[in-house]
Amino acid sequence: MRLLRPRDFERVFSMRNSASDAMLVVYAAPNDVGHARLGLTVSRKVGSAVCRNRWKRLIREAFRLTQ
């Protein structure tokens, strides 16, 4: 359910389909897997590694609950 390989991230970034607000940028791309997949990158501007990992855990859990 997750994007893990750099090649997967490059494909999504190259599609340039995005939406954003002040805190979050979401990139989207169609896939042929049959279900949604999630990949996260969090900027160092957000804070320490502990803070970034917490953000990622929270977003992954929200994604999991909406499946």
Protein backbone atom coordinates (compact mmCIF):
# COMPACT_ATOMS: atom_id res chain seq x y z
CA MET A 1 0.00 0.00 0.00
CA ARG A 2 3.04 2.30 0.24
CA LEU A 3 5.40 3.88 -2.24
CA LEU A 4 8.89 2.93 -1.12
CA ARG A 5 11.16 2.95 -4.16
CA PRO A 6 12.66 6.17 -5.54
CA ARG A 7 11.43 5.14 -9.00
CA ASP A 8 7.82 5.19 -7.72
CA PHE A 9 8.25 8.66 -6.24
CA GLU A 10 9.88 9.97 -9.43
CA ARG A 11 6.91 8.73 -11.48
CA VAL A 12 4.42 10.54 -9.24
CA PHE A 13 6.45 13.76 -9.15
CA SER A 14 6.84 13.74 -12.93
CA MET A 15 3.05 13.59 -13.43
CA ARG A 16 2.76 17.05 -11.79
CA ASN A 17 -0.81 16.56 -10.56
CA SER A 18 -0.86 18.36 -7.23
CA ALA A 19 -3.00 20.18 -4.73
CA SER A 20 -1.77 22.18 -1.76
CA ASP A 21 -2.54 24.44 1.14
CA ALA A 22 -0.31 26.21 3.65
CA MET A 23 0.83 22.99 5.36
CA LEU A 24 0.58 20.14 2.86
CA VAL A 25 1.26 19.38 -0.80
CA VAL A 26 -0.36 16.28 -2.30
CA TYR A 27 0.84 14.74 -5.56
CA ALA A 28 -1.32 12.18 -7.35
CA ALA A 29 -0.88 9.78 -10.24
CA PRO A 30 -3.03 6.97 -11.60
CA ASN A 31 -1.80 3.42 -11.08
CA ASP A 32 -2.66 -0.03 -12.38
CA VAL A 33 -2.58 -1.78 -8.99
CA GLY A 34 -6.30 -1.38 -8.32
CA HIS A 35 -6.03 0.42 -4.98
CA ALA A 36 -4.61 3.67 -3.69
CA ARG A 37 -1.00 3.81 -2.54
CA LEU A 38 0.66 6.35 -0.28
CA GLY A 39 4.21 7.69 -0.21
CA LEU A 40 5.37 10.39 2.17
CA THR A 41 8.25 12.83 2.18
CA VAL A 42 8.46 15.38 4.96
CA SER A 43 10.73 18.40 4.72
CA ARG A 44 13.33 19.14 7.36
CA LYS A 45 11.57 22.48 7.79
CA VAL A 46 8.93 20.59 9.78
CA GLY A 47 11.33 19.84 12.62
CA SER A 48 13.52 17.11 14.03
CA ALA A 49 13.46 13.51 12.82
CA VAL A 50 11.20 12.61 15.73
CA CYS A 51 8.69 15.28 14.67
CA ARG A 52 8.83 14.28 10.98
CA ASN A 53 8.34 10.61 11.82
CA ARG A 54 5.35 11.44 14.00
CA TRP A 55 3.76 13.37 11.11
CA LYS A 56 4.33 10.40 8.81
CA ARG A 57 2.84 7.94 11.31
CA LEU A 58 -0.25 10.11 11.77
CA ILE A 59 -0.81 10.56 8.03
CA ARG A 60 -0.27 6.83 7.33
CA GLU A 61 -2.80 5.95 10.04
CA ALA A 62 -5.36 8.41 8.64
CA PHE A 63 -4.82 6.90 5.18
CA ARG A 64 -5.23 3.38 6.57
CA LEU A 65 -8.48 4.26 8.33
CA THR A 66 -10.00 5.71 5.15
CA GLN A 67 -9.32 2.57 3.09
